[in-house]
């Protein structure tokens, strides 16, 4: 599984996007929908196998340029600490 995810993530490097992989998926940011969909398509195609599933959720907030990092930073400012904990 990790190898398949690595193949998909590596394919994203060919695009002018920002991404971050976490335990539950990969968050991708692009300036426009066409770039985003091209990157997702390349990541999907990079995985070899008899069956490949890609789950896509698009949040296209057109009234703001706030990045994912900025959204996390805003939550951390409200918390007064990092928005993470380790056991």
PDB file of N, CA and C in Angstrom:
ATOM      1  N   UNK A   1       0.822  -1.194   0.000  1.00  0.00           N
ATOM      2  CA  UNK A   1       0.000   0.000   0.000  1.00  0.00           C
ATOM      3  C   UNK A   1       0.863   1.254   0.000  1.00  0.00           C
ATOM      4  N   UNK A   2       1.875   1.304   0.835  1.00  0.00           N
ATOM      5  CA  UNK A   2       2.730   2.490   0.903  1.00  0.00           C
ATOM      6  C   UNK A   2       3.419   2.741  -0.432  1.00  0.00           C
ATOM      7  N   UNK A   3       3.783   1.681  -1.114  1.00  0.00           N
ATOM      8  CA  UNK A   3       4.421   1.830  -2.423  1.00  0.00           C
ATOM      9  C   UNK A   3       3.480   2.446  -3.443  1.00  0.00           C
ATOM     10  N   UNK A   4       2.219   2.037  -3.404  1.00  0.00           N
ATOM     11  CA  UNK A   4       1.223   2.608  -4.313  1.00  0.00           C
ATOM     12  C   UNK A   4       1.005   4.086  -4.018  1.00  0.00           C
ATOM     13  N   UNK A   5       0.908   4.417  -2.741  1.00  0.00           N
ATOM     14  CA  UNK A   5       0.733   5.821  -2.357  1.00  0.00           C
ATOM     15  C   UNK A   5       1.955   6.621  -2.794  1.00  0.00           C
ATOM     16  N   UNK A   6       3.143   6.066  -2.597  1.00  0.00           N
ATOM     17  CA  UNK A   6       4.369   6.749  -3.012  1.00  0.00           C
ATOM     18  C   UNK A   6       4.377   7.000  -4.518  1.00  0.00           C
ATOM     19  N   UNK A   7       3.920   6.034  -5.303  1.00  0.00           N
ATOM     20  CA  UNK A   7       3.850   6.226  -6.753  1.00  0.00           C
ATOM     21  C   UNK A   7       2.903   7.370  -7.109  1.00  0.00           C
ATOM     22  N   UNK A   8       1.755   7.409  -6.445  1.00  0.00           N
ATOM     23  CA  UNK A   8       0.775   8.471  -6.719  1.00  0.00           C
ATOM     24  C   UNK A   8       1.328   9.829  -6.317  1.00  0.00           C
ATOM     25  N   UNK A   9       1.944   9.897  -5.147  1.00  0.00           N
ATOM     26  CA  UNK A   9       2.487  11.170  -4.671  1.00  0.00           C
ATOM     27  C   UNK A   9       3.628  11.635  -5.572  1.00  0.00           C
ATOM     28  N   UNK A  10       4.472  10.732  -5.996  1.00  0.00           N
ATOM     29  CA  UNK A  10       5.585  11.092  -6.883  1.00  0.00           C
ATOM     30  C   UNK A  10       5.077  11.701  -8.191  1.00  0.00           C
ATOM     31  N   UNK A  11       3.945  11.224  -8.679  1.00  0.00           N
ATOM     32  CA  UNK A  11       3.379  11.758  -9.917  1.00  0.00           C
ATOM     33  C   UNK A  11       2.953  13.221  -9.770  1.00  0.00           C
ATOM     34  N   UNK A  12       2.652  13.640  -8.552  1.00  0.00           N
ATOM     35  CA  UNK A  12       2.223  15.018  -8.315  1.00  0.00           C
ATOM     36  C   UNK A  12       3.349  16.023  -8.528  1.00  0.00           C
ATOM     37  N   UNK A  13       4.599  15.549  -8.440  1.00  0.00           N
ATOM     38  CA  UNK A  13       5.740  16.453  -8.585  1.00  0.00           C
ATOM     39  C   UNK A  13       5.847  17.070  -9.976  1.00  0.00           C
ATOM     40  N   UNK A  14       5.153  16.521 -10.943  1.00  0.00           N
ATOM     41  CA  UNK A  14       5.194  17.045 -12.306  1.00  0.00           C
ATOM     42  C   UNK A  14       4.257  18.233 -12.516  1.00  0.00           C
ATOM     43  N   UNK A  15       3.571  18.662 -11.456  1.00  0.00           N
ATOM     44  CA  UNK A  15       2.557  19.706 -11.588  1.00  0.00           C
ATOM     45  C   UNK A  15       2.858  20.891 -10.672  1.00  0.00           C
ATOM     46  N   UNK A  16       2.374  22.052 -11.063  1.00  0.00           N
ATOM     47  CA  UNK A  16       2.557  23.277 -10.285  1.00  0.00           C
ATOM     48  C   UNK A  16       1.481  23.336  -9.203  1.00  0.00           C
ATOM     49  N   UNK A  17       1.671  22.497  -8.191  1.00  0.00           N
ATOM     50  CA  UNK A  17       0.709  22.383  -7.098  1.00  0.00           C
ATOM     51  C   UNK A  17       1.461  22.321  -5.775  1.00  0.00           C
ATOM     52  N   UNK A  18       0.729  22.461  -4.701  1.00  0.00           N
ATOM     53  CA  UNK A  18       1.240  22.225  -3.358  1.00  0.00           C
ATOM     54  C   UNK A  18       0.487  21.013  -2.826  1.00  0.00           C
ATOM     55  N   UNK A  19       1.199  20.128  -2.145  1.00  0.00           N
ATOM     56  CA  UNK A  19       0.507  18.976  -1.567  1.00  0.00           C
ATOM     57  C   UNK A  19       1.149  18.579  -0.251  1.00  0.00           C
ATOM     58  N   UNK A  20       0.349  17.900   0.564  1.00  0.00           N
ATOM     59  CA  UNK A  20       0.838  17.337   1.822  1.00  0.00           C
ATOM     60  C   UNK A  20       0.129  16.010   2.046  1.00  0.00           C
ATOM     61  N   UNK A  21       0.901  14.971   2.236  1.00  0.00           N
ATOM     62  CA  UNK A  21       0.346  13.653   2.500  1.00  0.00           C
ATOM     63  C   UNK A  21       0.251  13.448   4.009  1.00  0.00           C
ATOM     64  N   UNK A  22      -0.889  12.936   4.446  1.00  0.00           N
ATOM     65  CA  UNK A  22      -1.105  12.644   5.860  1.00  0.00           C
ATOM     66  C   UNK A  22      -1.618  11.205   5.966  1.00  0.00           C
ATOM     67  N   UNK A  23      -1.866  10.701   7.151  1.00  0.00           N
ATOM     68  CA  UNK A  23      -2.288   9.304   7.269  1.00  0.00           C
ATOM     69  C   UNK A  23      -3.610   8.967   6.583  1.00  0.00           C
ATOM     70  N   UNK A  24      -4.430   9.965   6.317  1.00  0.00           N
ATOM     71  CA  UNK A  24      -5.747   9.712   5.748  1.00  0.00           C
ATOM     72  C   UNK A  24      -5.866  10.103   4.280  1.00  0.00           C
ATOM     73  N   UNK A  25      -4.803  10.632   3.689  1.00  0.00           N
ATOM     74  CA  UNK A  25      -4.876  11.031   2.290  1.00  0.00           C
ATOM     75  C   UNK A  25      -3.856  12.094   1.964  1.00  0.00           C
ATOM     76  N   UNK A  26      -4.063  12.760   0.863  1.00  0.00           N
ATOM     77  CA  UNK A  26      -3.166  13.826   0.423  1.00  0.00           C
ATOM     78  C   UNK A  26      -3.999  15.049   0.095  1.00  0.00           C
ATOM     79  N   UNK A  27      -3.639  16.168   0.697  1.00  0.00           N
ATOM     80  CA  UNK A  27      -4.305  17.441   0.425  1.00  0.00           C
ATOM     81  C   UNK A  27      -3.526  18.113  -0.705  1.00  0.00           C
ATOM     82  N   UNK A  28      -4.232  18.481  -1.757  1.00  0.00           N
ATOM     83  CA  UNK A  28      -3.601  19.094  -2.924  1.00  0.00           C
ATOM     84  C   UNK A  28      -4.204  20.475  -3.129  1.00  0.00           C
ATOM     85  N   UNK A  29      -3.341  21.461  -3.367  1.00  0.00           N
ATOM     86  CA  UNK A  29      -3.797  22.809  -3.685  1.00  0.00           C
ATOM     87  C   UNK A  29      -3.258  23.201  -5.059  1.00  0.00           C
ATOM     88  N   UNK A  30      -4.120  23.795  -5.869  1.00  0.00           N
ATOM     89  CA  UNK A  30      -3.730  24.265  -7.194  1.00  0.00           C
ATOM     90  C   UNK A  30      -4.401  25.609  -7.452  1.00  0.00           C
ATOM     91  N   UNK A  31      -3.827  26.371  -8.355  1.00  0.00           N
ATOM     92  CA  UNK A  31      -4.391  27.683  -8.680  1.00  0.00           C
ATOM     93  C   UNK A  31      -5.668  27.592  -9.499  1.00  0.00           C
ATOM     94  N   UNK A  32      -5.836  26.462 -10.195  1.00  0.00           N
ATOM     95  CA  UNK A  32      -7.042  26.333 -11.017  1.00  0.00           C
ATOM     96  C   UNK A  32      -7.484  24.874 -11.081  1.00  0.00           C
ATOM     97  N   UNK A  33      -8.731  24.675 -11.400  1.00  0.00           N
ATOM     98  CA  UNK A  33      -9.333  23.343 -11.399  1.00  0.00           C
ATOM     99  C   UNK A  33      -8.710  22.415 -12.438  1.00  0.00           C
ATOM    100  N   UNK A  34      -8.314  22.960 -13.582  1.00  0.00           N
ATOM    101  CA  UNK A  34      -7.726  22.112 -14.620  1.00  0.00           C
ATOM    102  C   UNK A  34      -6.404  21.505 -14.162  1.00  0.00           C
ATOM    103  N   UNK A  35      -5.567  22.309 -13.508  1.00  0.00           N
ATOM    104  CA  UNK A  35      -4.300  21.808 -12.989  1.00  0.00           C
ATOM    105  C   UNK A  35      -4.555  20.750 -11.925  1.00  0.00           C
ATOM    106  N   UNK A  36      -5.507  21.021 -11.052  1.00  0.00           N
ATOM    107  CA  UNK A  36      -5.847  20.072 -10.001  1.00  0.00           C
ATOM    108  C   UNK A  36      -6.287  18.734 -10.589  1.00  0.00           C
ATOM    109  N   UNK A  37      -7.208  18.778 -11.535  1.00  0.00           N
ATOM    110  CA  UNK A  37      -7.730  17.535 -12.106  1.00  0.00           C
ATOM    111  C   UNK A  37      -6.670  16.791 -12.902  1.00  0.00           C
ATOM    112  N   UNK A  38      -5.784  17.525 -13.583  1.00  0.00           N
ATOM    113  CA  UNK A  38      -4.686  16.876 -14.308  1.00  0.00           C
ATOM    114  C   UNK A  38      -3.757  16.161 -13.329  1.00  0.00           C
ATOM    115  N   UNK A  39      -3.450  16.814 -12.197  1.00  0.00           N
ATOM    116  CA  UNK A  39      -2.572  16.222 -11.195  1.00  0.00           C
ATOM    117  C   UNK A  39      -3.209  14.977 -10.574  1.00  0.00           C
ATOM    118  N   UNK A  40      -4.477  15.073 -10.237  1.00  0.00           N
ATOM    119  CA  UNK A  40      -5.186  13.923  -9.656  1.00  0.00           C
ATOM    120  C   UNK A  40      -5.228  12.772 -10.659  1.00  0.00           C
ATOM    121  N   UNK A  41      -5.487  13.083 -11.909  1.00  0.00           N
ATOM    122  CA  UNK A  41      -5.512  12.042 -12.942  1.00  0.00           C
ATOM    123  C   UNK A  41      -4.170  11.349 -13.078  1.00  0.00           C
ATOM    124  N   UNK A  42      -3.099  12.117 -13.045  1.00  0.00           N
ATOM    125  CA  UNK A  42      -1.759  11.535 -13.151  1.00  0.00           C
ATOM    126  C   UNK A  42      -1.448  10.659 -11.938  1.00  0.00           C
ATOM    127  N   UNK A  43      -1.838  11.117 -10.757  1.00  0.00           N
ATOM    128  CA  UNK A  43      -1.611  10.324  -9.543  1.00  0.00           C
ATOM    129  C   UNK A  43      -2.380   9.015  -9.614  1.00  0.00           C
ATOM    130  N   UNK A  44      -3.612   9.075 -10.063  1.00  0.00           N
ATOM    131  CA  UNK A  44      -4.446   7.871 -10.195  1.00  0.00           C
ATOM    132  C   UNK A  44      -3.813   6.888 -11.182  1.00  0.00           C
ATOM    133  N   UNK A  45      -3.386   7.397 -12.316  1.00  0.00           N
ATOM    134  CA  UNK A  45      -2.802   6.537 -13.352  1.00  0.00           C
ATOM    135  C   UNK A  45      -1.442   5.975 -12.950  1.00  0.00           C
ATOM    136  N   UNK A  46      -0.747   6.634 -12.012  1.00  0.00           N
ATOM    137  CA  UNK A  46       0.583   6.182 -11.596  1.00  0.00           C
ATOM    138  C   UNK A  46       0.535   4.892 -10.776  1.00  0.00           C
ATOM    139  N   UNK A  47      -0.629   4.563 -10.248  1.00  0.00           N
ATOM    140  CA  UNK A  47      -0.770   3.353  -9.437  1.00  0.00           C
ATOM    141  C   UNK A  47      -1.120   2.188 -10.353  1.00  0.00           C
ATOM    142  N   UNK A  48      -0.261   1.173 -10.327  1.00  0.00           N
ATOM    143  CA  UNK A  48      -0.513  -0.009 -11.148  1.00  0.00           C
ATOM    144  C   UNK A  48      -1.293  -1.016 -10.321  1.00  0.00           C
ATOM    145  N   UNK A  49      -2.233  -1.656 -10.944  1.00  0.00           N
ATOM    146  CA  UNK A  49      -2.997  -2.671 -10.239  1.00  0.00           C
ATOM    147  C   UNK A  49      -4.269  -2.982 -10.976  1.00  0.00           C
ATOM    148  N   UNK A  50      -4.892  -4.043 -10.556  1.00  0.00           N
ATOM    149  CA  UNK A  50      -6.136  -4.462 -11.182  1.00  0.00           C
ATOM    150  C   UNK A  50      -7.308  -3.565 -10.826  1.00  0.00           C
ATOM    151  N   UNK A  51      -7.175  -2.856  -9.702  1.00  0.00           N
ATOM    152  CA  UNK A  51      -8.238  -1.953  -9.266  1.00  0.00           C
ATOM    153  C   UNK A  51      -7.608  -0.813  -8.469  1.00  0.00           C
ATOM    154  N   UNK A  52      -7.942   0.407  -8.827  1.00  0.00           N
ATOM    155  CA  UNK A  52      -7.415   1.593  -8.145  1.00  0.00           C
ATOM    156  C   UNK A  52      -8.593   2.478  -7.770  1.00  0.00           C
ATOM    157  N   UNK A  53      -8.651   2.897  -6.512  1.00  0.00           N
ATOM    158  CA  UNK A  53      -9.709   3.791  -6.052  1.00  0.00           C
ATOM    159  C   UNK A  53      -9.106   5.133  -5.677  1.00  0.00           C
ATOM    160  N   UNK A  54      -9.685   6.194  -6.195  1.00  0.00           N
ATOM    161  CA  UNK A  54      -9.278   7.547  -5.847  1.00  0.00           C
ATOM    162  C   UNK A  54     -10.503   8.285  -5.337  1.00  0.00           C
ATOM    163  N   UNK A  55     -10.389   8.835  -4.140  1.00  0.00           N
ATOM    164  CA  UNK A  55     -11.488   9.605  -3.551  1.00  0.00           C
ATOM    165  C   UNK A  55     -11.118  11.065  -3.642  1.00  0.00           C
ATOM    166  N   UNK A  56     -12.009  11.863  -4.207  1.00  0.00           N
ATOM    167  CA  UNK A  56     -11.710  13.272  -4.455  1.00  0.00           C
ATOM    168  C   UNK A  56     -12.791  14.148  -3.845  1.00  0.00           C
ATOM    169  N   UNK A  57     -12.362  15.084  -3.044  1.00  0.00           N
ATOM    170  CA  UNK A  57     -13.255  16.085  -2.482  1.00  0.00           C
ATOM    171  C   UNK A  57     -12.669  17.437  -2.866  1.00  0.00           C
ATOM    172  N   UNK A  58     -13.442  18.263  -3.526  1.00  0.00           N
ATOM    173  CA  UNK A  58     -12.960  19.566  -3.971  1.00  0.00           C
ATOM    174  C   UNK A  58     -13.647  20.654  -3.170  1.00  0.00           C
ATOM    175  N   UNK A  59     -12.827  21.524  -2.587  1.00  0.00           N
ATOM    176  CA  UNK A  59     -13.324  22.697  -1.879  1.00  0.00           C
ATOM    177  C   UNK A  59     -12.837  23.904  -2.667  1.00  0.00           C
ATOM    178  N   UNK A  60     -13.693  24.473  -3.468  1.00  0.00           N
ATOM    179  CA  UNK A  60     -13.341  25.562  -4.377  1.00  0.00           C
ATOM    180  C   UNK A  60     -13.911  26.868  -3.836  1.00  0.00           C
ATOM    181  N   UNK A  61     -13.262  27.417  -2.827  1.00  0.00           N
ATOM    182  CA  UNK A  61     -13.717  28.665  -2.226  1.00  0.00           C
ATOM    183  C   UNK A  61     -13.172  29.827  -3.058  1.00  0.00           C
ATOM    184  N   UNK A  62     -14.002  30.396  -3.852  1.00  0.00           N
ATOM    185  CA  UNK A  62     -13.582  31.406  -4.824  1.00  0.00           C
ATOM    186  C   UNK A  62     -13.503  32.806  -4.239  1.00  0.00           C
ATOM    187  N   UNK A  63     -13.921  32.981  -2.993  1.00  0.00           N
ATOM    188  CA  UNK A  63     -13.912  34.313  -2.372  1.00  0.00           C
ATOM    189  C   UNK A  63     -12.705  34.512  -1.466  1.00  0.00           C
ATOM    190  N   UNK A  64     -11.785  33.534  -1.422  1.00  0.00           N
ATOM    191  CA  UNK A  64     -10.636  33.627  -0.532  1.00  0.00           C
ATOM    192  C   UNK A  64      -9.432  32.948  -1.166  1.00  0.00           C
ATOM    193  N   UNK A  65      -8.254  33.481  -0.889  1.00  0.00           N
ATOM    194  CA  UNK A  65      -7.006  32.874  -1.364  1.00  0.00           C
ATOM    195  C   UNK A  65      -6.275  32.149  -0.246  1.00  0.00           C
ATOM    196  N   UNK A  66      -6.944  31.897   0.874  1.00  0.00           N
ATOM    197  CA  UNK A  66      -6.317  31.283   2.041  1.00  0.00           C
ATOM    198  C   UNK A  66      -5.867  29.857   1.718  1.00  0.00           C
ATOM    199  N   UNK A  67      -4.620  29.557   2.052  1.00  0.00           N
ATOM    200  CA  UNK A  67      -4.075  28.224   1.795  1.00  0.00           C
ATOM    201  C   UNK A  67      -4.424  27.272   2.944  1.00  0.00           C
ATOM    202  N   UNK A  68      -4.193  25.994   2.718  1.00  0.00           N
ATOM    203  CA  UNK A  68      -4.432  24.996   3.763  1.00  0.00           C
ATOM    204  C   UNK A  68      -3.554  25.282   4.980  1.00  0.00           C
ATOM    205  N   UNK A  69      -2.297  25.645   4.755  1.00  0.00           N
ATOM    206  CA  UNK A  69      -1.403  25.976   5.870  1.00  0.00           C
ATOM    207  C   UNK A  69      -1.936  27.161   6.670  1.00  0.00           C
ATOM    208  N   UNK A  70      -2.467  28.147   5.984  1.00  0.00           N
ATOM    209  CA  UNK A  70      -3.024  29.317   6.668  1.00  0.00           C
ATOM    210  C   UNK A  70      -4.259  28.943   7.485  1.00  0.00           C
ATOM    211  N   UNK A  71      -5.051  28.017   6.983  1.00  0.00           N
ATOM    212  CA  UNK A  71      -6.229  27.567   7.722  1.00  0.00           C
ATOM    213  C   UNK A  71      -5.812  26.868   9.017  1.00  0.00           C
ATOM    214  N   UNK A  72      -4.801  26.031   8.942  1.00  0.00           N
ATOM    215  CA  UNK A  72      -4.309  25.340  10.134  1.00  0.00           C
ATOM    216  C   UNK A  72      -3.723  26.355  11.111  1.00  0.00           C
ATOM    217  N   UNK A  73      -2.969  27.325  10.600  1.00  0.00           N
ATOM    218  CA  UNK A  73      -2.377  28.352  11.460  1.00  0.00           C
ATOM    219  C   UNK A  73      -3.455  29.143  12.200  1.00  0.00           C
ATOM    220  N   UNK A  74      -4.567  29.417  11.543  1.00  0.00           N
ATOM    221  CA  UNK A  74      -5.664  30.145  12.188  1.00  0.00           C
ATOM    222  C   UNK A  74      -6.250  29.332  13.343  1.00  0.00           C
ATOM    223  N   UNK A  75      -6.415  28.044  13.145  1.00  0.00           N
ATOM    224  CA  UNK A  75      -6.919  27.177  14.210  1.00  0.00           C
ATOM    225  C   UNK A  75      -5.916  27.144  15.364  1.00  0.00           C
ATOM    226  N   UNK A  76      -4.629  27.055  15.044  1.00  0.00           N
ATOM    227  CA  UNK A  76      -3.610  27.018  16.089  1.00  0.00           C
ATOM    228  C   UNK A  76      -3.553  28.329  16.872  1.00  0.00           C
ATOM    229  N   UNK A  77      -3.777  29.448  16.208  1.00  0.00           N
ATOM    230  CA  UNK A  77      -3.848  30.728  16.927  1.00  0.00           C
ATOM    231  C   UNK A  77      -5.004  30.719  17.922  1.00  0.00           C
ATOM    232  N   UNK A  78      -6.141  30.180  17.497  1.00  0.00           N
ATOM    233  CA  UNK A  78      -7.300  30.094  18.388  1.00  0.00           C
ATOM    234  C   UNK A  78      -7.025  29.166  19.565  1.00  0.00           C
ATOM    235  N   UNK A  79      -6.342  28.045  19.301  1.00  0.00           N
ATOM    236  CA  UNK A  79      -6.012  27.089  20.357  1.00  0.00           C
ATOM    237  C   UNK A  79      -4.913  27.608  21.267  1.00  0.00           C
ATOM    238  N   UNK A  80      -4.027  28.418  20.724  1.00  0.00           N
ATOM    239  CA  UNK A  80      -2.854  28.855  21.462  1.00  0.00           C
ATOM    240  C   UNK A  80      -1.768  27.789  21.518  1.00  0.00           C
ATOM    241  N   UNK A  81      -1.850  26.842  20.601  1.00  0.00           N
ATOM    242  CA  UNK A  81      -0.869  25.744  20.527  1.00  0.00           C
ATOM    243  C   UNK A  81      -0.999  25.058  19.176  1.00  0.00           C
ATOM    244  N   UNK A  82      -0.115  24.098  18.928  1.00  0.00           N
ATOM    245  CA  UNK A  82      -0.216  23.301  17.706  1.00  0.00           C
ATOM    246  C   UNK A  82      -1.510  22.494  17.707  1.00  0.00           C
ATOM    247  N   UNK A  83      -2.055  22.264  16.553  1.00  0.00           N
ATOM    248  CA  UNK A  83      -3.292  21.503  16.418  1.00  0.00           C
ATOM    249  C   UNK A  83      -2.974  20.025  16.217  1.00  0.00           C
ATOM    250  N   UNK A  84      -2.163  19.493  17.118  1.00  0.00           N
ATOM    251  CA  UNK A  84      -1.804  18.076  17.055  1.00  0.00           C
ATOM    252  C   UNK A  84      -1.363  17.613  18.430  1.00  0.00           C
ATOM    253  N   UNK A  85      -1.430  16.334  18.637  1.00  0.00           N
ATOM    254  CA  UNK A  85      -1.007  15.745  19.889  1.00  0.00           C
ATOM    255  C   UNK A  85      -0.421  14.379  19.596  1.00  0.00           C
ATOM    256  N   UNK A  86       0.582  14.010  20.326  1.00  0.00           N
ATOM    257  CA  UNK A  86       1.169  12.688  20.170  1.00  0.00           C
ATOM    258  C   UNK A  86       0.933  11.888  21.432  1.00  0.00           C
ATOM    259  N   UNK A  87       0.626  10.609  21.273  1.00  0.00           N
ATOM    260  CA  UNK A  87       0.367   9.735  22.423  1.00  0.00           C
ATOM    261  C   UNK A  87       1.643   9.162  22.955  1.00  0.00           C
TER     262      UNK A  87
END
